[in-house]
Amino acid sequence: MTLSPSHKALRVLIATLSVGLALLAAFATPAGTLVGAGILIFLTPFVALDPASRLTALLLALHGANWLSSTEVPADVRDWALTGITTVALLTIHLAAALAAALPPAAPLPRATLLRWTRRGLTVIGLALPVWVLLVAQSTDAPSGVPVITYAALASVATLALAFVLARAQDRPRIVTAPGAERR
């Protein structure tokens, strides 16, 4: 299999970020382990070689589990900065793998496609940034109550909203027209 230079760059990006995240969790967090980093580093080449495989989802899930098990609830700006870096790196690994899987490996990535995917990734980061800043500001003065219940309630509302959107999308009639036919 011959890879275009752009596909090679995507795979190098996946590998570099994955190894970097594993090492970050191992050495920059209070409970990081070399075992967790070793498992992630072992899995990384398989994902870099075949980003369209299910191993990519496994790698991302293991990175998330490794990060959550290695860190405590962020309490200061340093912890939140590490969490933000980890989030952006995970998003970048996901986007790079999805983009590499979207086109044949020998095909170069069109500039317009790369720009579109970059804009979408930056949009996600831009929409998440205000929430992240709010959480950083709030972490200095924790609210009373049980945070797990609050997060469970938010997750439930988000899941219900997603279910509603998906149900509405299935109920809408789809109009299929023949190629070249005019819509009236």
C-alpha atoms as a PDB file:
ATOM      1  CA  MET A   1       0.000   0.000   0.000  1.00  0.00           C
ATOM      2  CA  THR A   2       1.453   3.313  -1.086  1.00  0.00           C
ATOM      3  CA  LEU A   3       0.680   6.300   1.088  1.00  0.00           C
ATOM      4  CA  SER A   4       0.498   9.841  -0.156  1.00  0.00           C
ATOM      5  CA  PRO A   5       2.601  12.377   1.771  1.00  0.00           C
ATOM      6  CA  SER A   6      -0.532  13.880   3.315  1.00  0.00           C
ATOM      7  CA  HIS A   7      -1.665  10.480   4.598  1.00  0.00           C
ATOM      8  CA  LYS A   8       1.811   9.863   6.008  1.00  0.00           C
ATOM      9  CA  ALA A   9       1.583  13.210   7.811  1.00  0.00           C
ATOM     10  CA  LEU A  10      -1.819  12.272   9.298  1.00  0.00           C
ATOM     11  CA  ARG A  11      -0.447   8.970  10.553  1.00  0.00           C
ATOM     12  CA  VAL A  12       2.624  10.647  12.049  1.00  0.00           C
ATOM     13  CA  LEU A  13       0.313  13.160  13.740  1.00  0.00           C
ATOM     14  CA  ILE A  14      -1.785  10.325  15.217  1.00  0.00           C
ATOM     15  CA  ALA A  15       1.296   8.500  16.501  1.00  0.00           C
ATOM     16  CA  THR A  16       2.998  11.598  17.887  1.00  0.00           C
ATOM     17  CA  LEU A  17      -0.069  12.836  19.763  1.00  0.00           C
ATOM     18  CA  SER A  18      -0.921   9.379  21.080  1.00  0.00           C
ATOM     19  CA  VAL A  19       2.570   8.748  22.452  1.00  0.00           C
ATOM     20  CA  GLY A  20       2.700  12.308  23.809  1.00  0.00           C
ATOM     21  CA  LEU A  21      -0.627  11.857  25.631  1.00  0.00           C
ATOM     22  CA  ALA A  22       0.484   8.539  27.104  1.00  0.00           C
ATOM     23  CA  LEU A  23       3.679  10.103  28.417  1.00  0.00           C
ATOM     24  CA  LEU A  24       1.815  13.191  29.658  1.00  0.00           C
ATOM     25  CA  ALA A  25      -0.562  11.006  31.680  1.00  0.00           C
ATOM     26  CA  ALA A  26       2.332   8.945  33.030  1.00  0.00           C
ATOM     27  CA  PHE A  27       4.620  11.759  34.113  1.00  0.00           C
ATOM     28  CA  ALA A  28       2.535  14.927  34.589  1.00  0.00           C
ATOM     29  CA  THR A  29      -0.306  13.491  36.649  1.00  0.00           C
ATOM     30  CA  PRO A  30      -0.350  12.341  40.265  1.00  0.00           C
ATOM     31  CA  ALA A  31      -1.443   8.745  39.625  1.00  0.00           C
ATOM     32  CA  GLY A  32      -0.018   8.148  36.147  1.00  0.00           C
ATOM     33  CA  THR A  33       1.483   4.737  35.477  1.00  0.00           C
ATOM     34  CA  LEU A  34       4.046   3.431  33.068  1.00  0.00           C
ATOM     35  CA  VAL A  35       1.844   0.377  32.529  1.00  0.00           C
ATOM     36  CA  GLY A  36      -0.984   2.512  31.149  1.00  0.00           C
ATOM     37  CA  ALA A  37       1.459   4.452  28.986  1.00  0.00           C
ATOM     38  CA  GLY A  38       3.011   1.211  27.769  1.00  0.00           C
ATOM     39  CA  ILE A  39      -0.335  -0.229  26.678  1.00  0.00           C
ATOM     40  CA  LEU A  40      -1.210   2.968  24.809  1.00  0.00           C
ATOM     41  CA  ILE A  41       2.203   3.191  23.172  1.00  0.00           C
ATOM     42  CA  PHE A  42       1.943  -0.484  22.148  1.00  0.00           C
ATOM     43  CA  LEU A  43      -1.477   0.091  20.541  1.00  0.00           C
ATOM     44  CA  THR A  44      -0.511   3.337  18.765  1.00  0.00           C
ATOM     45  CA  PRO A  45       1.372   1.858  15.748  1.00  0.00           C
ATOM     46  CA  PHE A  46      -1.567  -0.389  14.900  1.00  0.00           C
ATOM     47  CA  VAL A  47      -3.870   2.634  14.799  1.00  0.00           C
ATOM     48  CA  ALA A  48      -1.358   4.693  12.809  1.00  0.00           C
ATOM     49  CA  LEU A  49      -1.072   1.919  10.228  1.00  0.00           C
ATOM     50  CA  ASP A  50      -4.837   1.415   9.924  1.00  0.00           C
ATOM     51  CA  PRO A  51      -6.765   4.447  11.197  1.00  0.00           C
ATOM     52  CA  ALA A  52     -10.033   3.052   9.788  1.00  0.00           C
ATOM     53  CA  SER A  53      -9.964   0.070  12.152  1.00  0.00           C
ATOM     54  CA  ARG A  54     -11.915  -0.322  15.369  1.00  0.00           C
ATOM     55  CA  LEU A  55      -8.622  -0.064  17.215  1.00  0.00           C
ATOM     56  CA  THR A  56      -8.858   3.711  16.776  1.00  0.00           C
ATOM     57  CA  ALA A  57     -11.984   3.830  18.937  1.00  0.00           C
ATOM     58  CA  LEU A  58     -10.297   1.533  21.442  1.00  0.00           C
ATOM     59  CA  LEU A  59      -7.205   3.752  21.544  1.00  0.00           C
ATOM     60  CA  LEU A  60      -9.296   6.878  22.145  1.00  0.00           C
ATOM     61  CA  ALA A  61     -11.339   5.141  24.854  1.00  0.00           C
ATOM     62  CA  LEU A  62      -8.176   3.854  26.551  1.00  0.00           C
ATOM     63  CA  HIS A  63      -6.622   7.320  26.419  1.00  0.00           C
ATOM     64  CA  GLY A  64      -9.734   8.728  28.088  1.00  0.00           C
ATOM     65  CA  ALA A  65      -9.788   5.982  30.732  1.00  0.00           C
ATOM     66  CA  ASN A  66      -6.047   6.358  31.343  1.00  0.00           C
ATOM     67  CA  TRP A  67      -6.401  10.119  31.754  1.00  0.00           C
ATOM     68  CA  LEU A  68      -9.388   9.841  34.088  1.00  0.00           C
ATOM     69  CA  SER A  69      -7.667   7.207  36.222  1.00  0.00           C
ATOM     70  CA  SER A  70      -4.410   9.175  36.339  1.00  0.00           C
ATOM     71  CA  THR A  71      -5.761  12.551  37.365  1.00  0.00           C
ATOM     72  CA  GLU A  72      -7.870  13.968  40.115  1.00  0.00           C
ATOM     73  CA  VAL A  73     -10.676  16.445  39.626  1.00  0.00           C
ATOM     74  CA  PRO A  74      -8.961  19.581  38.290  1.00  0.00           C
ATOM     75  CA  ALA A  75      -8.490  22.056  41.101  1.00  0.00           C
ATOM     76  CA  ASP A  76      -6.200  24.718  39.686  1.00  0.00           C
ATOM     77  CA  VAL A  77      -5.312  26.293  36.367  1.00  0.00           C
ATOM     78  CA  ARG A  78      -2.424  23.841  35.743  1.00  0.00           C
ATOM     79  CA  ASP A  79      -4.773  20.857  36.050  1.00  0.00           C
ATOM     80  CA  TRP A  80      -7.315  22.503  33.777  1.00  0.00           C
ATOM     81  CA  ALA A  81      -4.612  23.373  31.234  1.00  0.00           C
ATOM     82  CA  LEU A  82      -3.486  19.735  31.147  1.00  0.00           C
ATOM     83  CA  THR A  83      -7.097  18.661  30.719  1.00  0.00           C
ATOM     84  CA  GLY A  84      -7.547  21.154  27.873  1.00  0.00           C
ATOM     85  CA  ILE A  85      -4.370  19.943  26.154  1.00  0.00           C
ATOM     86  CA  THR A  86      -5.539  16.358  26.490  1.00  0.00           C
ATOM     87  CA  THR A  87      -8.960  17.191  25.083  1.00  0.00           C
ATOM     88  CA  VAL A  88      -7.547  18.982  22.048  1.00  0.00           C
ATOM     89  CA  ALA A  89      -5.084  16.134  21.436  1.00  0.00           C
ATOM     90  CA  LEU A  90      -7.853  13.523  21.602  1.00  0.00           C
ATOM     91  CA  LEU A  91      -9.991  15.550  19.202  1.00  0.00           C
ATOM     92  CA  THR A  92      -7.034  15.905  16.846  1.00  0.00           C
ATOM     93  CA  ILE A  93      -6.322  12.159  16.919  1.00  0.00           C
ATOM     94  CA  HIS A  94      -9.984  11.485  16.175  1.00  0.00           C
ATOM     95  CA  LEU A  95     -10.126  13.976  13.297  1.00  0.00           C
ATOM     96  CA  ALA A  96      -6.821  12.801  11.804  1.00  0.00           C
ATOM     97  CA  ALA A  97      -7.922   9.167  11.928  1.00  0.00           C
ATOM     98  CA  ALA A  98     -11.336   9.964  10.461  1.00  0.00           C
ATOM     99  CA  LEU A  99      -9.797  12.039   7.691  1.00  0.00           C
ATOM    100  CA  ALA A 100      -7.239   9.336   6.904  1.00  0.00           C
ATOM    101  CA  ALA A 101     -10.047   6.776   6.727  1.00  0.00           C
ATOM    102  CA  ALA A 102     -12.256   8.981   4.542  1.00  0.00           C
ATOM    103  CA  LEU A 103     -10.013   8.946   1.475  1.00  0.00           C
ATOM    104  CA  PRO A 104      -7.935   6.234  -0.194  1.00  0.00           C
ATOM    105  CA  PRO A 105      -4.399   6.062   1.278  1.00  0.00           C
ATOM    106  CA  ALA A 106      -2.726   6.769  -2.049  1.00  0.00           C
ATOM    107  CA  ALA A 107      -4.855   9.837  -2.740  1.00  0.00           C
ATOM    108  CA  PRO A 108      -3.478  13.178  -1.649  1.00  0.00           C
ATOM    109  CA  LEU A 109      -5.722  15.203   0.600  1.00  0.00           C
ATOM    110  CA  PRO A 110      -7.267  18.095  -1.285  1.00  0.00           C
ATOM    111  CA  ARG A 111      -6.461  21.432   0.308  1.00  0.00           C
ATOM    112  CA  ALA A 112     -10.157  22.335   0.493  1.00  0.00           C
ATOM    113  CA  THR A 113     -10.907  19.118   2.406  1.00  0.00           C
ATOM    114  CA  LEU A 114      -8.084  19.728   4.854  1.00  0.00           C
ATOM    115  CA  LEU A 115      -9.254  23.305   5.428  1.00  0.00           C
ATOM    116  CA  ARG A 116     -12.866  22.174   5.930  1.00  0.00           C
ATOM    117  CA  TRP A 117     -11.844  19.564   8.508  1.00  0.00           C
ATOM    118  CA  THR A 118      -9.565  22.058  10.258  1.00  0.00           C
ATOM    119  CA  ARG A 119     -12.397  24.607  10.433  1.00  0.00           C
ATOM    120  CA  ARG A 120     -14.740  22.001  11.887  1.00  0.00           C
ATOM    121  CA  GLY A 121     -12.201  20.970  14.511  1.00  0.00           C
ATOM    122  CA  LEU A 122     -11.552  24.588  15.450  1.00  0.00           C
ATOM    123  CA  THR A 123     -15.313  25.167  15.654  1.00  0.00           C
ATOM    124  CA  VAL A 124     -15.646  22.322  18.158  1.00  0.00           C
ATOM    125  CA  ILE A 125     -12.771  23.732  20.196  1.00  0.00           C
ATOM    126  CA  GLY A 126     -14.233  27.239  19.970  1.00  0.00           C
ATOM    127  CA  LEU A 127     -17.634  26.042  21.187  1.00  0.00           C
ATOM    128  CA  ALA A 128     -16.073  24.083  24.049  1.00  0.00           C
ATOM    129  CA  LEU A 129     -13.753  26.893  25.134  1.00  0.00           C
ATOM    130  CA  PRO A 130     -16.373  29.014  26.956  1.00  0.00           C
ATOM    131  CA  VAL A 131     -17.494  25.963  28.944  1.00  0.00           C
ATOM    132  CA  TRP A 132     -13.869  25.146  29.775  1.00  0.00           C
ATOM    133  CA  VAL A 133     -13.208  28.718  30.942  1.00  0.00           C
ATOM    134  CA  LEU A 134     -16.360  28.618  33.077  1.00  0.00           C
ATOM    135  CA  LEU A 135     -15.235  25.368  34.683  1.00  0.00           C
ATOM    136  CA  VAL A 136     -11.777  26.801  35.382  1.00  0.00           C
ATOM    137  CA  ALA A 137     -13.347  29.845  37.029  1.00  0.00           C
ATOM    138  CA  GLN A 138     -15.791  27.702  38.994  1.00  0.00           C
ATOM    139  CA  SER A 139     -13.108  25.295  40.247  1.00  0.00           C
ATOM    140  CA  THR A 140     -11.834  27.956  42.634  1.00  0.00           C
ATOM    141  CA  ASP A 141     -15.177  27.924  44.483  1.00  0.00           C
ATOM    142  CA  ALA A 142     -16.862  24.513  44.313  1.00  0.00           C
ATOM    143  CA  PRO A 143     -20.656  24.578  44.633  1.00  0.00           C
ATOM    144  CA  SER A 144     -22.392  22.658  47.382  1.00  0.00           C
ATOM    145  CA  GLY A 145     -24.067  19.372  46.601  1.00  0.00           C
ATOM    146  CA  VAL A 146     -23.031  16.121  44.983  1.00  0.00           C
ATOM    147  CA  PRO A 147     -21.241  16.758  41.673  1.00  0.00           C
ATOM    148  CA  VAL A 148     -21.891  13.225  40.397  1.00  0.00           C
ATOM    149  CA  ILE A 149     -25.650  13.782  40.531  1.00  0.00           C
ATOM    150  CA  THR A 150     -25.284  17.103  38.721  1.00  0.00           C
ATOM    151  CA  TYR A 151     -23.168  15.559  35.975  1.00  0.00           C
ATOM    152  CA  ALA A 152     -25.534  12.596  35.694  1.00  0.00           C
ATOM    153  CA  ALA A 153     -28.467  14.991  35.280  1.00  0.00           C
ATOM    154  CA  LEU A 154     -26.617  16.967  32.598  1.00  0.00           C
ATOM    155  CA  ALA A 155     -25.673  13.755  30.787  1.00  0.00           C
ATOM    156  CA  SER A 156     -29.305  12.589  30.949  1.00  0.00           C
ATOM    157  CA  VAL A 157     -30.573  15.849  29.485  1.00  0.00           C
ATOM    158  CA  ALA A 158     -27.946  15.690  26.718  1.00  0.00           C
ATOM    159  CA  THR A 159     -28.865  12.069  25.944  1.00  0.00           C
ATOM    160  CA  LEU A 160     -32.565  12.929  25.787  1.00  0.00           C
ATOM    161  CA  ALA A 161     -31.828  15.870  23.502  1.00  0.00           C
ATOM    162  CA  LEU A 162     -29.781  13.638  21.205  1.00  0.00           C
ATOM    163  CA  ALA A 163     -32.540  11.009  21.171  1.00  0.00           C
ATOM    164  CA  PHE A 164     -35.081  13.709  20.297  1.00  0.00           C
ATOM    165  CA  VAL A 165     -32.938  15.016  17.437  1.00  0.00           C
ATOM    166  CA  LEU A 166     -32.352  11.510  16.066  1.00  0.00           C
ATOM    167  CA  ALA A 167     -36.054  10.636  16.323  1.00  0.00           C
ATOM    168  CA  ARG A 168     -37.013  13.819  14.479  1.00  0.00           C
ATOM    169  CA  ALA A 169     -34.454  13.087  11.764  1.00  0.00           C
ATOM    170  CA  GLN A 170     -36.012   9.652  11.159  1.00  0.00           C
ATOM    171  CA  ASP A 171     -39.552  11.043  11.017  1.00  0.00           C
ATOM    172  CA  ARG A 172     -38.813  13.602   8.315  1.00  0.00           C
ATOM    173  CA  PRO A 173     -39.787  12.481   4.816  1.00  0.00           C
ATOM    174  CA  ARG A 174     -36.890  12.319   2.445  1.00  0.00           C
ATOM    175  CA  ILE A 175     -37.453  13.577  -1.058  1.00  0.00           C
ATOM    176  CA  VAL A 176     -35.357  11.770  -3.588  1.00  0.00           C
ATOM    177  CA  THR A 177     -35.161  13.238  -7.048  1.00  0.00           C
ATOM    178  CA  ALA A 178     -33.616  11.822 -10.131  1.00  0.00           C
ATOM    179  CA  PRO A 179     -30.328  13.350 -11.252  1.00  0.00           C
ATOM    180  CA  GLY A 180     -31.000  16.388 -13.377  1.00  0.00           C
ATOM    181  CA  ALA A 181     -34.645  16.655 -12.271  1.00  0.00           C
ATOM    182  CA  GLU A 182     -35.843  20.068 -11.152  1.00  0.00           C
ATOM    183  CA  ARG A 183     -37.403  20.655  -7.774  1.00  0.00           C
ATOM    184  CA  ARG A 184     -40.732  22.439  -7.818  1.00  0.00           C
END
